Protein backbone atom coordinates (compact mmCIF):
# COMPACT_ATOMS: atom_id res chain seq x y z
CA MET A 1 -18.63 -17.41 -5.76
CA THR A 2 -17.80 -15.63 -8.70
CA THR A 3 -17.02 -11.99 -8.80
CA ILE A 4 -19.33 -9.49 -10.29
CA GLY A 5 -18.38 -5.72 -10.81
CA ARG A 6 -15.94 -3.80 -8.91
CA LEU A 7 -15.64 -3.27 -5.45
CA ARG A 8 -13.17 0.09 -4.87
CA ILE A 9 -14.48 0.89 -1.42
CA CYS A 10 -13.60 -0.39 1.85
CA PRO A 11 -14.14 0.74 5.45
CA SER A 12 -10.89 2.88 5.84
CA ASP A 13 -13.04 5.08 3.09
CA ILE A 14 -15.49 6.62 5.55
CA GLY A 15 -15.81 10.36 4.85
CA ARG A 16 -15.03 9.95 1.43
CA ARG A 17 -17.49 10.68 -1.17
CA VAL A 18 -18.90 7.17 -3.10
CA SER A 19 -20.92 5.97 -5.69
CA VAL A 20 -22.84 2.51 -4.87
CA ARG A 21 -24.57 0.08 -7.29
CA PHE A 22 -26.32 -2.32 -5.41
CA PHE A 23 -29.11 -4.78 -5.36
CA ASP A 24 -32.70 -3.89 -3.81
CA ALA A 25 -34.67 -6.58 -3.46
CA ASP A 26 -34.40 -7.58 -7.35
CA GLN A 27 -33.93 -4.16 -8.78
CA LEU A 28 -30.46 -2.30 -9.18
CA THR A 29 -30.03 1.22 -6.90
CA ASP A 30 -27.95 3.56 -7.44
CA VAL A 31 -26.51 6.16 -4.50
CA LEU A 32 -24.10 8.53 -4.48
CA GLY A 33 -23.09 10.20 -0.97
CA ILE A 34 -20.18 10.33 1.83
CA LEU A 35 -19.35 7.07 3.10
CA ASP A 36 -20.61 7.20 6.82
CA SER A 37 -20.01 3.97 8.29
CA TRP A 38 -19.22 0.13 8.04
CA LYS A 39 -20.62 -1.84 10.50
CA GLY A 40 -19.34 -5.42 9.96
CA ASP A 41 -17.58 -8.13 8.27
CA TRP A 42 -18.03 -9.31 4.07
CA PRO A 43 -20.40 -10.17 2.97
CA HIS A 44 -23.03 -9.37 5.25
CA GLY A 45 -21.29 -5.94 6.66
CA LEU A 46 -23.82 -2.88 6.65
CA LEU A 47 -22.50 0.20 4.94
CA GLN A 48 -24.54 3.52 5.35
CA VAL A 49 -24.46 6.34 2.35
CA LYS A 50 -25.37 10.11 3.82
CA LYS A 51 -26.68 11.44 0.49
CA LYS A 52 -27.54 15.36 -0.31
CA ASP A 53 -30.72 15.55 1.20
CA ASP A 54 -28.72 14.37 4.79
CA SER A 55 -30.34 10.99 4.55
CA PHE A 56 -28.82 7.89 4.73
CA GLN A 57 -29.32 4.62 3.09
CA GLU A 58 -28.06 1.56 3.90
CA VAL A 59 -26.36 -0.83 1.78
CA ILE A 60 -25.55 -4.78 3.00
CA SER A 61 -21.99 -5.62 1.23
CA GLY A 62 -22.90 -8.73 -0.31
CA LYS A 63 -25.54 -6.94 -2.15
CA ILE A 64 -22.80 -4.19 -4.08
CA LEU A 65 -22.47 -4.59 -7.96
CA ALA A 66 -20.11 -1.84 -7.86
CA ALA A 67 -18.68 0.64 -5.80
CA LYS A 68 -16.17 3.63 -6.12
CA VAL A 69 -14.62 6.38 -4.69
CA ILE A 70 -15.23 9.69 -6.67
CA GLU A 71 -12.56 11.66 -7.79
CA PRO A 72 -10.61 13.94 -7.55
CA GLU A 73 -10.00 11.61 -4.37
CA ILE A 74 -8.53 8.16 -4.67
CA GLY A 75 -9.96 5.18 -2.70
CA CYS A 76 -7.69 3.25 -0.68
CA LEU A 77 -8.29 -0.14 -2.64
CA ASP A 78 -7.59 2.06 -5.87
CA LEU A 79 -4.23 3.36 -4.24
CA GLU A 80 -3.46 0.03 -3.08
CA ARG A 81 -3.38 -2.02 -6.78
CA GLU A 82 -1.71 1.37 -8.21
CA SER A 83 1.34 0.97 -5.84
CA GLU A 84 1.27 -2.59 -6.43
CA THR A 85 2.93 -1.93 -10.26
CA THR A 86 5.49 0.17 -8.27
CA TRP A 87 7.51 -3.08 -6.14
CA VAL A 88 6.04 -5.69 -8.35
CA PRO A 89 6.25 -9.50 -6.87
CA SER A 90 7.60 -12.35 -8.72
CA GLU A 91 4.20 -14.37 -8.38
CA LYS A 92 0.74 -13.28 -8.24
CA GLU A 93 -2.50 -15.29 -8.19
CA ASN A 94 -5.82 -13.68 -7.84
CA LEU A 95 -8.60 -15.28 -5.18
CA GLY A 96 -11.14 -13.50 -6.62
CA ASP A 97 -10.42 -9.91 -5.95
CA TRP A 98 -7.72 -10.72 -3.52
CA VAL A 99 -4.45 -10.92 -4.64
CA LEU A 100 -1.64 -13.76 -3.39
CA ARG A 101 2.21 -12.25 -3.62
CA TYR A 102 5.06 -13.96 -3.44
CA SER A 103 8.92 -12.97 -3.99
CA GLY A 104 10.86 -15.49 -1.82
CA ASN A 105 12.43 -12.31 0.73
CA GLU A 106 10.74 -11.04 3.49
CA SER A 107 9.08 -7.73 1.74
CA ALA A 108 5.64 -7.42 3.65
CA ARG A 109 4.05 -5.92 0.48
CA ALA A 110 5.58 -8.53 -2.12
CA ASN A 111 4.85 -11.88 0.01
CA SER A 112 1.92 -10.96 1.39
CA CYS A 113 -2.07 -11.86 0.14
CA ARG A 114 -3.59 -8.28 -0.36
CA LEU A 115 -7.30 -8.38 0.75
CA ASP A 116 -8.92 -6.08 -1.66
CA GLY A 117 -12.93 -6.48 -2.72
CA ARG A 118 -14.49 -9.70 -2.95
CA PRO A 119 -12.84 -12.92 -1.97
CA GLU A 120 -13.34 -15.84 -4.65
CA ASN A 121 -15.18 -17.91 -2.08
CA SER A 122 -16.58 -17.43 1.50
CA VAL A 123 -13.63 -14.78 3.58
CA ASP A 124 -13.33 -18.57 5.54
CA GLU A 125 -12.59 -20.80 2.91
CA SER A 126 -10.51 -18.24 0.79
CA LEU A 127 -8.26 -17.66 4.21
CA LEU A 128 -7.61 -21.18 4.66
CA LYS A 129 -6.61 -21.64 0.84
CA ILE A 130 -3.82 -18.67 1.23
CA ILE A 131 -2.41 -20.72 4.45
CA GLY A 132 -2.09 -23.18 1.61
CA TRP A 133 -0.56 -21.35 -1.22
CA TYR A 134 1.85 -20.21 0.92
CA LYS A 135 2.93 -23.34 3.10
CA GLU A 136 3.28 -25.00 -0.72
CA ARG A 137 6.21 -22.24 -1.40
CA LYS A 138 7.76 -22.61 2.59
CA ALA A 139 6.27 -19.28 3.46
CA PRO A 140 4.78 -17.82 6.44
CA ALA A 141 1.13 -16.57 5.66
CA PHE A 142 0.62 -12.75 5.75
CA VAL A 143 -2.06 -10.63 4.48
CA GLN A 144 -2.41 -7.23 4.35
CA SER A 145 -5.97 -4.94 4.91
CA PRO A 146 -6.52 -1.65 5.28
CA LYS A 147 -7.83 -0.50 8.63
CA PRO A 148 -10.61 -1.15 9.56
CA GLY A 149 -10.93 -3.50 6.73
CA ALA A 150 -13.78 -5.27 5.38
CA PHE A 151 -12.12 -8.84 6.43
CA ASP A 152 -11.10 -7.60 10.32
CA ASP A 153 -14.30 -10.38 12.06
CA GLY A 154 -12.80 -13.46 9.76
CA LEU A 155 -9.01 -12.70 10.43
CA LYS A 156 -9.51 -12.64 14.05
CA ARG A 157 -12.11 -15.76 13.83
CA ASN A 158 -9.16 -17.68 11.71
CA ASN A 159 -6.57 -17.07 13.90
CA PHE A 160 -4.82 -14.46 11.82
CA ILE A 161 -2.50 -11.43 14.26
CA GLU A 162 -1.89 -8.08 13.71
CA ILE A 163 1.95 -7.75 13.59
CA ALA A 164 2.47 -4.63 11.86
CA HIS A 165 0.58 -1.28 11.93
CA ALA A 166 1.66 1.19 8.57
CA LEU A 167 0.50 4.03 7.01
CA TYR A 168 -0.02 5.31 3.33
CA MET A 169 0.88 9.00 3.19
CA ILE A 170 0.26 11.36 0.18
CA ALA A 171 1.81 14.70 -0.86
CA ASP A 172 0.97 16.71 -3.99
CA THR A 173 4.23 16.65 -5.90
CA GLN A 174 6.86 19.78 -6.29
CA SER A 175 9.47 21.12 -8.48
CA PHE A 176 12.58 21.58 -6.46
CA VAL A 177 15.63 20.50 -7.28
CA GLU A 178 18.74 20.00 -5.08
CA GLU A 179 22.16 20.34 -6.04
CA ASN A 180 23.65 17.72 -4.53
CA VAL A 181 21.52 14.17 -5.14
CA LYS A 182 22.43 12.53 -8.34
CA VAL A 183 19.40 11.13 -9.95
CA GLU A 184 19.92 7.79 -11.99
CA SER A 185 17.77 5.81 -14.51
CA GLU A 186 19.38 2.65 -13.72
CA LEU A 187 20.09 0.72 -10.75
CA SER A 188 23.54 1.00 -10.10
CA ASP A 189 26.06 -1.89 -7.93
CA ASN A 190 27.01 0.83 -6.09
CA TRP A 191 23.79 2.61 -5.24
CA LEU A 192 22.32 -1.54 -4.34
CA ASN A 193 25.38 -2.05 -2.16
CA ALA A 194 24.36 1.39 -0.44
CA ALA A 195 21.32 -0.06 -0.12
CA LEU A 196 22.22 -3.37 0.93
CA THR A 197 24.42 -1.76 3.96
CA SER A 198 21.31 -0.76 5.85
CA GLU A 199 20.02 -3.55 8.37
CA ASN A 200 16.47 -2.02 8.04
CA HIS A 201 16.37 -2.80 3.88
CA ARG A 202 18.69 -5.87 3.38
CA ALA A 203 16.74 -8.86 4.11
CA ARG A 204 13.63 -6.91 2.39
CA LEU A 205 15.37 -6.09 -1.12
CA SER A 206 16.30 -7.67 -4.14
CA GLU A 207 17.45 -6.69 -7.27
CA GLU A 208 14.40 -7.74 -9.07
CA LEU A 209 12.13 -5.86 -6.94
CA LEU A 210 13.91 -2.40 -6.99
CA LYS A 211 13.66 -2.72 -11.03
CA SER A 212 10.15 -3.27 -11.08
CA GLY A 213 7.84 -1.01 -12.30
CA GLU A 214 7.28 1.12 -15.72
CA ILE A 215 9.99 3.82 -14.91
CA VAL A 216 12.18 3.79 -12.02
CA LYS A 217 14.34 6.49 -10.58
CA PHE A 218 17.25 6.25 -8.01
CA ALA A 219 18.65 9.05 -5.95
CA SER A 220 22.02 9.10 -3.95
CA VAL A 221 24.29 11.94 -2.34
CA ILE A 222 27.98 11.35 -2.68
CA ASN A 223 30.72 12.60 -0.29
CA GLN A 224 34.11 14.20 -1.01
CA GLN A 225 35.17 10.40 -0.70
CA ASN A 226 33.09 8.93 -3.26
CA GLU A 227 30.90 6.83 -1.06
CA ILE A 228 26.94 6.94 -1.14
CA ILE A 229 25.63 8.61 2.12
CA ALA A 230 21.64 8.54 1.22
CA ILE A 231 20.02 6.95 -1.24
CA GLY A 232 15.97 7.21 -2.18
CA ARG A 233 14.03 5.58 -5.41
CA VAL A 234 10.78 6.36 -6.62
CA SER A 235 8.53 4.41 -8.97
CA ILE A 236 6.43 5.88 -11.73
CA THR A 237 3.35 4.97 -13.61
CA ASN A 238 0.99 6.84 -15.44
CA LYS A 239 -1.11 7.69 -12.32
CA LEU A 240 1.13 7.69 -9.26
CA ALA A 241 4.68 7.97 -8.14
CA MET A 242 5.80 6.19 -4.94
CA VAL A 243 8.77 6.25 -2.66
CA THR A 244 10.82 3.36 -1.56
CA THR A 245 13.82 2.74 0.29
CA VAL A 246 14.66 5.89 1.41
CA TRP A 247 17.89 5.38 3.49
CA VAL A 248 20.86 7.58 5.55
CA SER A 249 24.30 6.21 6.72
CA GLN A 250 24.27 6.57 10.47
CA ASN A 251 27.10 9.23 10.54
CA HIS A 252 25.37 11.41 8.09
CA ARG A 253 22.03 11.71 9.94
CA ASN A 254 20.15 14.96 11.15
CA LYS A 255 22.16 17.08 8.28
CA GLY A 256 19.04 17.38 5.84
CA LEU A 257 20.05 14.80 3.78
CA GLY A 258 16.64 12.71 3.71
CA ARG A 259 14.56 15.64 3.18
CA GLN A 260 16.93 16.53 0.24
CA ILE A 261 16.23 12.49 -1.03
CA MET A 262 12.65 13.21 -0.62
CA ASN A 263 12.66 16.79 -2.64
CA THR A 264 14.57 15.26 -5.92
CA LEU A 265 12.25 12.18 -5.50
CA SER A 266 9.31 14.49 -5.73
CA ASN A 267 10.76 16.70 -8.62
CA GLU A 268 10.83 13.51 -10.49
CA ALA A 269 7.47 12.58 -10.35
CA PHE A 270 6.75 16.18 -11.00
CA ASN A 271 8.29 16.22 -14.40
CA PHE A 272 6.47 13.62 -15.25
CA GLY A 273 3.31 15.00 -14.88
CA LEU A 274 1.79 13.39 -11.97
CA GLY A 275 0.28 15.54 -9.26
CA LYS A 276 0.31 13.44 -6.59
CA ILE A 277 3.33 11.02 -5.10
CA VAL A 278 2.94 8.34 -2.23
CA LEU A 279 4.83 6.37 -0.01
CA GLN A 280 4.46 3.64 2.87
CA VAL A 281 5.46 3.98 6.51
CA LEU A 282 5.45 2.16 9.56
CA LYS A 283 3.35 3.50 12.00
CA SER A 284 6.29 3.44 14.98
CA ASN A 285 8.94 4.89 12.78
CA ILE A 286 7.83 8.61 14.49
CA PRO A 287 11.24 10.29 12.94
CA ALA A 288 10.14 9.65 9.59
CA ILE A 289 6.69 10.50 9.30
CA ASN A 290 7.55 13.97 11.70
CA LEU A 291 9.95 14.16 8.34
CA TYR A 292 6.99 13.26 5.53
CA GLN A 293 5.07 15.79 7.20
CA SER A 294 7.49 18.20 7.39
CA LEU A 295 7.50 17.81 3.53
CA GLY A 296 3.16 17.83 3.27
CA TYR A 297 3.16 14.18 3.01
CA GLN A 298 -0.38 13.63 4.98
CA ILE A 299 -2.31 10.25 6.25
CA HIS A 300 -4.52 8.79 3.19
CA HIS A 301 -5.37 5.62 5.23
CA GLU A 302 -3.97 2.77 7.68
CA TYR A 303 -3.48 -0.84 7.37
CA GLY A 304 -2.20 -4.15 8.81
CA TYR A 305 -0.20 -6.92 7.96
CA TYR A 306 -1.28 -10.20 9.64
CA ARG A 307 0.27 -13.48 10.38
CA HIS A 308 -1.10 -16.31 10.81
CA ASN A 309 -0.41 -17.29 14.11
CA ARG A 310 0.68 -21.49 13.56
CA ALA A 311 4.23 -19.79 12.03
CA GLN A 312 6.39 -18.80 14.38
CA LEU A 313 6.21 -14.91 14.38
CA ALA A 314 8.84 -12.89 12.95
CA PRO A 315 10.94 -10.21 15.19
CA GLU A 316 10.21 -7.94 12.31
CA VAL A 317 7.91 -6.84 9.30
CA ASN A 318 9.62 -4.29 6.32
CA CYS A 319 6.98 -2.60 4.53
């Protein structure tokens, strides 16, 4: 199947205002309204769009030529696509709109296929190709998909099981100067070594990933012994700022250092003229989610990581 148009909505955008152009019989038709429901797998999924007059337009997903979330909101697929430019895998390949990603470490985001828009062929054929692609690299076959997603039925049918549930969170940027936090534009050996002391980060980090992105800033808090005791990273594009790699030393937690790091990263994005800042966090990480919500972050959408079950399951997945 040849991909046409641009599909920029998914079931996770239910409740958002959307514009959809689709084939109704042999004619192109446009509908504008609130995405009210999405049932079934692509390409036979059935969407309902609630129009201004409160009537509903039904659309078959495979008949969509193009669709997007209406500004000023950002849809889940646009957010996931843009965030990829802030944490760049070493190898990428497209399967239609789907994106195969590989970096050779344990970062799930940089070593999974992002299920996005339309696949190259049928869902079953494309998932089979994903399995083979990662097998060639001696890596497990992971996919990342919004929850709920347009390919949930296909994932179950092809023995992909969910192994992690994560959140995209978004907030307004703020001008907030923290005197205790140092910000650098280059990745220093000291910052990298501090990041690698965290067991939660070590396996998924590489110097290449940390440096990837258009503009990257590295924040740290240094104690009187000249030791880095807290870090955070923000990668900035002309559309988006994304926080990653926030860590506070075990002996210095519950002292507000994580909040200081987060405020500083938000300030960096604000200074570049961006109004929004985003992050990803595992749904099970309740302390981190509580911190982010206290700073004004709200859940934008949820997503899952799925692994083909013929491979031995990993004990842990890192975003």
